[in-house]
All heavy atoms as atom14 arrays in JSON, in Angstrom:
{
  "sequence": "GGGLVQPGGSLRLSCAASGFIFSDYGMSWYRQAPGK",
  "atom14_mask": [
    [1, 1, 1, 1, 0, 0, 0, 0, 0, 0, 0, 0, 0, 0],
    [1, 1, 1, 1, 0, 0, 0, 0, 0, 0, 0, 0, 0, 0],
    [1, 1, 1, 1, 0, 0, 0, 0, 0, 0, 0, 0, 0, 0],
    [1, 1, 1, 1, 1, 1, 1, 1, 0, 0, 0, 0, 0, 0],
    [1, 1, 1, 1, 1, 1, 1, 0, 0, 0, 0, 0, 0, 0],
    [1, 1, 1, 1, 1, 1, 1, 1, 1, 0, 0, 0, 0, 0],
    [1, 1, 1, 1, 1, 1, 1, 0, 0, 0, 0, 0, 0, 0],
    [1, 1, 1, 1, 0, 0, 0, 0, 0, 0, 0, 0, 0, 0],
    [1, 1, 1, 1, 0, 0, 0, 0, 0, 0, 0, 0, 0, 0],
    [1, 1, 1, 1, 1, 1, 0, 0, 0, 0, 0, 0, 0, 0],
    [1, 1, 1, 1, 1, 1, 1, 1, 0, 0, 0, 0, 0, 0],
    [1, 1, 1, 1, 1, 1, 1, 1, 1, 1, 1, 0, 0, 0],
    [1, 1, 1, 1, 1, 1, 1, 1, 0, 0, 0, 0, 0, 0],
    [1, 1, 1, 1, 1, 1, 0, 0, 0, 0, 0, 0, 0, 0],
    [1, 1, 1, 1, 1, 1, 0, 0, 0, 0, 0, 0, 0, 0],
    [1, 1, 1, 1, 1, 0, 0, 0, 0, 0, 0, 0, 0, 0],
    [1, 1, 1, 1, 1, 0, 0, 0, 0, 0, 0, 0, 0, 0],
    [1, 1, 1, 1, 1, 1, 0, 0, 0, 0, 0, 0, 0, 0],
    [1, 1, 1, 1, 0, 0, 0, 0, 0, 0, 0, 0, 0, 0],
    [1, 1, 1, 1, 1, 1, 1, 1, 1, 1, 1, 0, 0, 0],
    [1, 1, 1, 1, 1, 1, 1, 1, 0, 0, 0, 0, 0, 0],
    [1, 1, 1, 1, 1, 1, 1, 1, 1, 1, 1, 0, 0, 0],
    [1, 1, 1, 1, 1, 1, 0, 0, 0, 0, 0, 0, 0, 0],
    [1, 1, 1, 1, 1, 1, 1, 1, 0, 0, 0, 0, 0, 0],
    [1, 1, 1, 1, 1, 1, 1, 1, 1, 1, 1, 1, 0, 0],
    [1, 1, 1, 1, 0, 0, 0, 0, 0, 0, 0, 0, 0, 0],
    [1, 1, 1, 1, 1, 1, 1, 1, 0, 0, 0, 0, 0, 0],
    [1, 1, 1, 1, 1, 1, 0, 0, 0, 0, 0, 0, 0, 0],
    [1, 1, 1, 1, 1, 1, 1, 1, 1, 1, 1, 1, 1, 1],
    [1, 1, 1, 1, 1, 1, 1, 1, 1, 1, 1, 1, 0, 0],
    [1, 1, 1, 1, 1, 1, 1, 1, 1, 1, 1, 0, 0, 0],
    [1, 1, 1, 1, 1, 1, 1, 1, 1, 0, 0, 0, 0, 0],
    [1, 1, 1, 1, 1, 0, 0, 0, 0, 0, 0, 0, 0, 0],
    [1, 1, 1, 1, 1, 1, 1, 0, 0, 0, 0, 0, 0, 0],
    [1, 1, 1, 1, 0, 0, 0, 0, 0, 0, 0, 0, 0, 0],
    [1, 1, 1, 1, 1, 1, 1, 1, 1, 0, 0, 0, 0, 0]
  ],
  "atom14_positions": [
    [[0.75, -1.24, -0.03], [-0.04, 0.01, -0.01], [0.81, 1.29, -0.02], [0.26, 2.38, -0.01], [0.0, 0.0, 0.0], [0.0, 0.0, 0.0], [0.0, 0.0, 0.0], [0.0, 0.0, 0.0], [0.0, 0.0, 0.0], [0.0, 0.0, 0.0], [0.0, 0.0, 0.0], [0.0, 0.0, 0.0], [0.0, 0.0, 0.0], [0.0, 0.0, 0.0]],
    [[2.12, 1.15, 0.14], [2.94, 2.35, 0.08], [2.97, 3.04, -1.31], [2.46, 2.45, -2.26], [0.0, 0.0, 0.0], [0.0, 0.0, 0.0], [0.0, 0.0, 0.0], [0.0, 0.0, 0.0], [0.0, 0.0, 0.0], [0.0, 0.0, 0.0], [0.0, 0.0, 0.0], [0.0, 0.0, 0.0], [0.0, 0.0, 0.0], [0.0, 0.0, 0.0]],
    [[3.62, 4.16, -1.38], [3.74, 4.86, -2.65], [4.1, 6.28, -2.51], [4.43, 6.72, -1.4], [0.0, 0.0, 0.0], [0.0, 0.0, 0.0], [0.0, 0.0, 0.0], [0.0, 0.0, 0.0], [0.0, 0.0, 0.0], [0.0, 0.0, 0.0], [0.0, 0.0, 0.0], [0.0, 0.0, 0.0], [0.0, 0.0, 0.0], [0.0, 0.0, 0.0]],
    [[3.99, 7.0, -3.58], [4.25, 8.44, -3.65], [2.97, 9.22, -3.53], [1.99, 8.92, -4.28], [5.02, 8.83, -4.93], [5.24, 10.28, -5.13], [6.13, 10.9, -4.12], [5.82, 10.51, -6.55], [0.0, 0.0, 0.0], [0.0, 0.0, 0.0], [0.0, 0.0, 0.0], [0.0, 0.0, 0.0], [0.0, 0.0, 0.0], [0.0, 0.0, 0.0]],
    [[2.89, 10.15, -2.59], [1.64, 10.91, -2.41], [2.06, 12.36, -2.14], [3.09, 12.63, -1.55], [0.8, 10.32, -1.26], [1.54, 10.43, 0.05], [-0.53, 10.96, -1.17], [0.0, 0.0, 0.0], [0.0, 0.0, 0.0], [0.0, 0.0, 0.0], [0.0, 0.0, 0.0], [0.0, 0.0, 0.0], [0.0, 0.0, 0.0], [0.0, 0.0, 0.0]],
    [[1.2, 13.27, -2.54], [1.44, 14.71, -2.25], [1.11, 15.03, -0.82], [0.34, 14.4, -0.17], [0.57, 15.55, -3.22], [1.03, 15.45, -4.65], [0.31, 16.47, -5.55], [-0.72, 17.05, -5.14], [0.85, 16.71, -6.73], [0.0, 0.0, 0.0], [0.0, 0.0, 0.0], [0.0, 0.0, 0.0], [0.0, 0.0, 0.0], [0.0, 0.0, 0.0]],
    [[1.75, 16.09, -0.26], [1.33, 16.56, 1.09], [-0.1, 16.79, 1.16], [-0.71, 17.36, 0.26], [2.19, 17.81, 1.24], [3.34, 17.66, 0.3], [2.85, 16.89, -0.88], [0.0, 0.0, 0.0], [0.0, 0.0, 0.0], [0.0, 0.0, 0.0], [0.0, 0.0, 0.0], [0.0, 0.0, 0.0], [0.0, 0.0, 0.0], [0.0, 0.0, 0.0]],
    [[-0.67, 16.33, 2.27], [-2.1, 16.45, 2.52], [-2.89, 15.25, 1.98], [-4.07, 15.15, 2.25], [0.0, 0.0, 0.0], [0.0, 0.0, 0.0], [0.0, 0.0, 0.0], [0.0, 0.0, 0.0], [0.0, 0.0, 0.0], [0.0, 0.0, 0.0], [0.0, 0.0, 0.0], [0.0, 0.0, 0.0], [0.0, 0.0, 0.0], [0.0, 0.0, 0.0]],
    [[-2.21, 14.39, 1.29], [-2.94, 13.22, 0.74], [-3.09, 12.13, 1.74], [-2.67, 12.23, 2.94], [0.0, 0.0, 0.0], [0.0, 0.0, 0.0], [0.0, 0.0, 0.0], [0.0, 0.0, 0.0], [0.0, 0.0, 0.0], [0.0, 0.0, 0.0], [0.0, 0.0, 0.0], [0.0, 0.0, 0.0], [0.0, 0.0, 0.0], [0.0, 0.0, 0.0]],
    [[-3.56, 10.95, 1.25], [-3.83, 9.79, 2.12], [-3.33, 8.56, 1.48], [-3.24, 8.39, 0.24], [-5.39, 9.68, 2.34], [-5.89, 10.77, 3.02], [0.0, 0.0, 0.0], [0.0, 0.0, 0.0], [0.0, 0.0, 0.0], [0.0, 0.0, 0.0], [0.0, 0.0, 0.0], [0.0, 0.0, 0.0], [0.0, 0.0, 0.0], [0.0, 0.0, 0.0]],
    [[-2.99, 7.58, 2.36], [-2.68, 6.25, 1.92], [-3.16, 5.26, 2.97], [-3.28, 5.6, 4.15], [-1.19, 6.05, 1.82], [-0.38, 6.61, 0.6], [1.13, 6.45, 0.76], [-0.86, 5.97, -0.7], [0.0, 0.0, 0.0], [0.0, 0.0, 0.0], [0.0, 0.0, 0.0], [0.0, 0.0, 0.0], [0.0, 0.0, 0.0], [0.0, 0.0, 0.0]],
    [[-3.49, 4.05, 2.56], [-3.8, 3.02, 3.47], [-2.85, 1.84, 3.29], [-2.77, 1.25, 2.26], [-5.23, 2.46, 3.32], [-5.64, 1.51, 4.46], [-7.07, 1.1, 4.43], [-7.3, -0.05, 3.48], [-8.23, -0.9, 3.66], [-9.11, -0.85, 4.69], [-8.38, -1.92, 2.77], [0.0, 0.0, 0.0], [0.0, 0.0, 0.0], [0.0, 0.0, 0.0]],
    [[-2.11, 1.53, 4.36], [-1.19, 0.44, 4.37], [-1.87, -0.84, 4.91], [-2.72, -0.69, 5.76], [0.04, 0.75, 5.2], [0.83, 2.02, 4.89], [2.06, 2.11, 5.79], [1.16, 2.07, 3.38], [0.0, 0.0, 0.0], [0.0, 0.0, 0.0], [0.0, 0.0, 0.0], [0.0, 0.0, 0.0], [0.0, 0.0, 0.0], [0.0, 0.0, 0.0]],
    [[-1.46, -1.93, 4.34], [-1.99, -3.24, 4.83], [-0.83, -4.13, 5.18], [0.27, -4.04, 4.59], [-2.78, -3.92, 3.75], [-3.92, -3.19, 3.34], [0.0, 0.0, 0.0], [0.0, 0.0, 0.0], [0.0, 0.0, 0.0], [0.0, 0.0, 0.0], [0.0, 0.0, 0.0], [0.0, 0.0, 0.0], [0.0, 0.0, 0.0], [0.0, 0.0, 0.0]],
    [[-1.08, -4.98, 6.19], [-0.03, -5.95, 6.57], [-0.78, -7.3, 6.68], [-1.59, -7.52, 7.66], [0.6, -5.61, 7.91], [1.68, -6.83, 8.58], [0.0, 0.0, 0.0], [0.0, 0.0, 0.0], [0.0, 0.0, 0.0], [0.0, 0.0, 0.0], [0.0, 0.0, 0.0], [0.0, 0.0, 0.0], [0.0, 0.0, 0.0], [0.0, 0.0, 0.0]],
    [[-0.51, -8.17, 5.75], [-1.08, -9.54, 5.78], [-0.25, -10.5, 6.56], [0.94, -10.62, 6.3], [-1.3, -10.02, 4.38], [0.0, 0.0, 0.0], [0.0, 0.0, 0.0], [0.0, 0.0, 0.0], [0.0, 0.0, 0.0], [0.0, 0.0, 0.0], [0.0, 0.0, 0.0], [0.0, 0.0, 0.0], [0.0, 0.0, 0.0], [0.0, 0.0, 0.0]],
    [[-0.86, -11.14, 7.56], [-0.07, -11.98, 8.45], [-0.41, -13.47, 8.19], [-1.57, -13.81, 7.84], [-0.39, -11.67, 9.94], [0.0, 0.0, 0.0], [0.0, 0.0, 0.0], [0.0, 0.0, 0.0], [0.0, 0.0, 0.0], [0.0, 0.0, 0.0], [0.0, 0.0, 0.0], [0.0, 0.0, 0.0], [0.0, 0.0, 0.0], [0.0, 0.0, 0.0]],
    [[0.5, -14.33, 8.43], [0.32, -15.74, 8.36], [1.3, -16.5, 9.24], [2.27, -15.95, 9.67], [0.44, -16.25, 6.88], [1.73, -15.98, 6.39], [0.0, 0.0, 0.0], [0.0, 0.0, 0.0], [0.0, 0.0, 0.0], [0.0, 0.0, 0.0], [0.0, 0.0, 0.0], [0.0, 0.0, 0.0], [0.0, 0.0, 0.0], [0.0, 0.0, 0.0]],
    [[1.0, -17.79, 9.5], [1.89, -18.6, 10.28], [1.66, -18.48, 11.79], [2.44, -19.16, 12.55], [0.0, 0.0, 0.0], [0.0, 0.0, 0.0], [0.0, 0.0, 0.0], [0.0, 0.0, 0.0], [0.0, 0.0, 0.0], [0.0, 0.0, 0.0], [0.0, 0.0, 0.0], [0.0, 0.0, 0.0], [0.0, 0.0, 0.0], [0.0, 0.0, 0.0]],
    [[0.65, -17.8, 12.23], [0.33, -17.77, 13.66], [-1.15, -17.42, 13.79], [-1.79, -17.02, 12.86], [1.21, -16.77, 14.4], [1.06, -15.33, 14.0], [0.29, -14.46, 14.67], [1.69, -14.89, 12.82], [0.16, -13.12, 14.31], [1.6, -13.57, 12.39], [0.81, -12.64, 13.11], [0.0, 0.0, 0.0], [0.0, 0.0, 0.0], [0.0, 0.0, 0.0]],
    [[-1.69, -17.58, 15.0], [-3.11, -17.23, 15.22], [-3.19, -15.7, 15.39], [-2.96, -15.17, 16.51], [-3.62, -18.0, 16.41], [-3.45, -19.48, 16.21], [-5.1, -17.69, 16.65], [-3.86, -20.34, 17.41], [0.0, 0.0, 0.0], [0.0, 0.0, 0.0], [0.0, 0.0, 0.0], [0.0, 0.0, 0.0], [0.0, 0.0, 0.0], [0.0, 0.0, 0.0]],
    [[-3.57, -15.06, 14.36], [-3.49, -13.67, 14.26], [-4.29, -12.95, 15.45], [-3.82, -12.0, 16.06], [-4.08, -13.15, 12.95], [-4.05, -11.72, 12.7], [-2.88, -11.02, 12.42], [-5.29, -10.94, 12.75], [-2.88, -9.66, 12.19], [-5.26, -9.6, 12.55], [-4.07, -8.95, 12.25], [0.0, 0.0, 0.0], [0.0, 0.0, 0.0], [0.0, 0.0, 0.0]],
    [[-5.45, -13.48, 15.75], [-6.3, -12.84, 16.74], [-5.74, -12.95, 18.15], [-6.21, -12.27, 19.07], [-7.71, -13.42, 16.69], [-7.65, -14.84, 16.91], [0.0, 0.0, 0.0], [0.0, 0.0, 0.0], [0.0, 0.0, 0.0], [0.0, 0.0, 0.0], [0.0, 0.0, 0.0], [0.0, 0.0, 0.0], [0.0, 0.0, 0.0], [0.0, 0.0, 0.0]],
    [[-4.73, -13.71, 18.35], [-4.1, -13.93, 19.67], [-3.04, -12.86, 19.98], [-2.52, -12.88, 21.11], [-3.48, -15.29, 19.8], [-4.53, -16.39, 20.01], [-5.75, -16.08, 20.17], [-4.12, -17.56, 20.09], [0.0, 0.0, 0.0], [0.0, 0.0, 0.0], [0.0, 0.0, 0.0], [0.0, 0.0, 0.0], [0.0, 0.0, 0.0], [0.0, 0.0, 0.0]],
    [[-2.69, -12.02, 19.03], [-1.53, -11.16, 19.24], [-1.82, -9.7, 18.89], [-2.58, -9.39, 17.95], [-0.36, -11.64, 18.37], [0.14, -12.92, 18.79], [-0.37, -14.16, 18.27], [1.11, -13.06, 19.79], [0.1, -15.37, 18.67], [1.57, -14.33, 20.27], [1.08, -15.47, 19.69], [1.46, -16.67, 20.07], [0.0, 0.0, 0.0], [0.0, 0.0, 0.0]],
    [[-1.24, -8.81, 19.72], [-1.23, -7.47, 19.31], [-0.35, -7.21, 18.11], [0.54, -7.95, 17.89], [0.0, 0.0, 0.0], [0.0, 0.0, 0.0], [0.0, 0.0, 0.0], [0.0, 0.0, 0.0], [0.0, 0.0, 0.0], [0.0, 0.0, 0.0], [0.0, 0.0, 0.0], [0.0, 0.0, 0.0], [0.0, 0.0, 0.0], [0.0, 0.0, 0.0]],
    [[-0.63, -6.14, 17.41], [0.15, -5.78, 16.21], [0.6, -4.31, 16.28], [-0.1, -3.52, 16.92], [-0.66, -5.98, 14.92], [-1.13, -7.43, 14.7], [0.22, -8.63, 14.37], [0.9, -7.89, 12.87], [0.0, 0.0, 0.0], [0.0, 0.0, 0.0], [0.0, 0.0, 0.0], [0.0, 0.0, 0.0], [0.0, 0.0, 0.0], [0.0, 0.0, 0.0]],
    [[1.64, -4.01, 15.6], [2.06, -2.62, 15.59], [2.71, -2.21, 14.27], [3.09, -3.07, 13.51], [3.08, -2.37, 16.7], [4.18, -3.3, 16.61], [0.0, 0.0, 0.0], [0.0, 0.0, 0.0], [0.0, 0.0, 0.0], [0.0, 0.0, 0.0], [0.0, 0.0, 0.0], [0.0, 0.0, 0.0], [0.0, 0.0, 0.0], [0.0, 0.0, 0.0]],
    [[2.71, -0.94, 14.02], [3.32, -0.38, 12.87], [4.51, 0.51, 13.31], [4.38, 1.32, 14.26], [2.38, 0.54, 12.05], [1.4, -0.17, 11.2], [0.09, -0.52, 11.56], [1.59, -0.72, 9.88], [-0.48, -1.2, 10.51], [0.38, -1.31, 9.48], [2.66, -0.67, 8.98], [0.26, -1.92, 8.25], [2.54, -1.31, 7.79], [1.33, -1.9, 7.39]],
    [[5.63, 0.41, 12.62], [6.82, 1.24, 12.88], [7.16, 1.88, 11.57], [6.72, 1.49, 10.49], [7.99, 0.37, 13.36], [7.94, -0.06, 14.74], [7.06, -1.06, 15.16], [8.8, 0.45, 15.68], [6.99, -1.47, 16.49], [8.82, 0.04, 17.0], [7.89, -0.88, 17.38], [7.88, -1.32, 18.73], [0.0, 0.0, 0.0], [0.0, 0.0, 0.0]],
    [[8.02, 2.91, 11.68], [8.59, 3.49, 10.45], [10.05, 3.87, 10.68], [10.48, 4.1, 11.81], [7.81, 4.69, 10.01], [7.89, 5.88, 10.97], [6.97, 7.01, 10.46], [7.02, 8.13, 11.32], [6.19, 9.2, 11.2], [5.27, 9.25, 10.25], [6.32, 10.24, 12.01], [0.0, 0.0, 0.0], [0.0, 0.0, 0.0], [0.0, 0.0, 0.0]],
    [[10.8, 3.94, 9.57], [12.2, 4.32, 9.65], [12.5, 5.26, 8.49], [12.32, 4.85, 7.32], [13.11, 3.15, 9.59], [14.59, 3.47, 9.84], [15.41, 2.27, 10.15], [14.96, 1.1, 9.89], [16.58, 2.48, 10.84], [0.0, 0.0, 0.0], [0.0, 0.0, 0.0], [0.0, 0.0, 0.0], [0.0, 0.0, 0.0], [0.0, 0.0, 0.0]],
    [[12.78, 6.46, 8.8], [13.19, 7.47, 7.82], [14.74, 7.41, 7.57], [15.48, 6.91, 8.45], [12.81, 8.8, 8.31], [0.0, 0.0, 0.0], [0.0, 0.0, 0.0], [0.0, 0.0, 0.0], [0.0, 0.0, 0.0], [0.0, 0.0, 0.0], [0.0, 0.0, 0.0], [0.0, 0.0, 0.0], [0.0, 0.0, 0.0], [0.0, 0.0, 0.0]],
    [[15.22, 7.89, 6.44], [16.59, 7.79, 6.16], [17.47, 8.5, 7.22], [17.11, 9.65, 7.61], [16.73, 8.56, 4.83], [15.42, 8.38, 4.26], [14.43, 8.38, 5.36], [0.0, 0.0, 0.0], [0.0, 0.0, 0.0], [0.0, 0.0, 0.0], [0.0, 0.0, 0.0], [0.0, 0.0, 0.0], [0.0, 0.0, 0.0], [0.0, 0.0, 0.0]],
    [[18.43, 7.83, 7.72], [19.29, 8.38, 8.76], [18.72, 8.44, 10.16], [19.35, 9.03, 11.06], [0.0, 0.0, 0.0], [0.0, 0.0, 0.0], [0.0, 0.0, 0.0], [0.0, 0.0, 0.0], [0.0, 0.0, 0.0], [0.0, 0.0, 0.0], [0.0, 0.0, 0.0], [0.0, 0.0, 0.0], [0.0, 0.0, 0.0], [0.0, 0.0, 0.0]],
    [[17.57, 7.86, 10.37], [16.91, 7.93, 11.66], [16.63, 6.54, 12.16], [16.66, 5.58, 11.44], [15.6, 8.7, 11.57], [15.8, 10.18, 11.23], [14.47, 10.9, 11.4], [14.61, 12.4, 11.08], [13.35, 13.16, 11.26], [0.0, 0.0, 0.0], [0.0, 0.0, 0.0], [0.0, 0.0, 0.0], [0.0, 0.0, 0.0], [0.0, 0.0, 0.0]]
  ]
}
């Protein structure tokens, strides 16, 4: 779901999980910018 968007725009990211019982675990999103 990532991509290039103009300031003020919107995106929706998705994360498809497998290999475990998804409903049993909390989930989180992280980000990493260049040099950070």
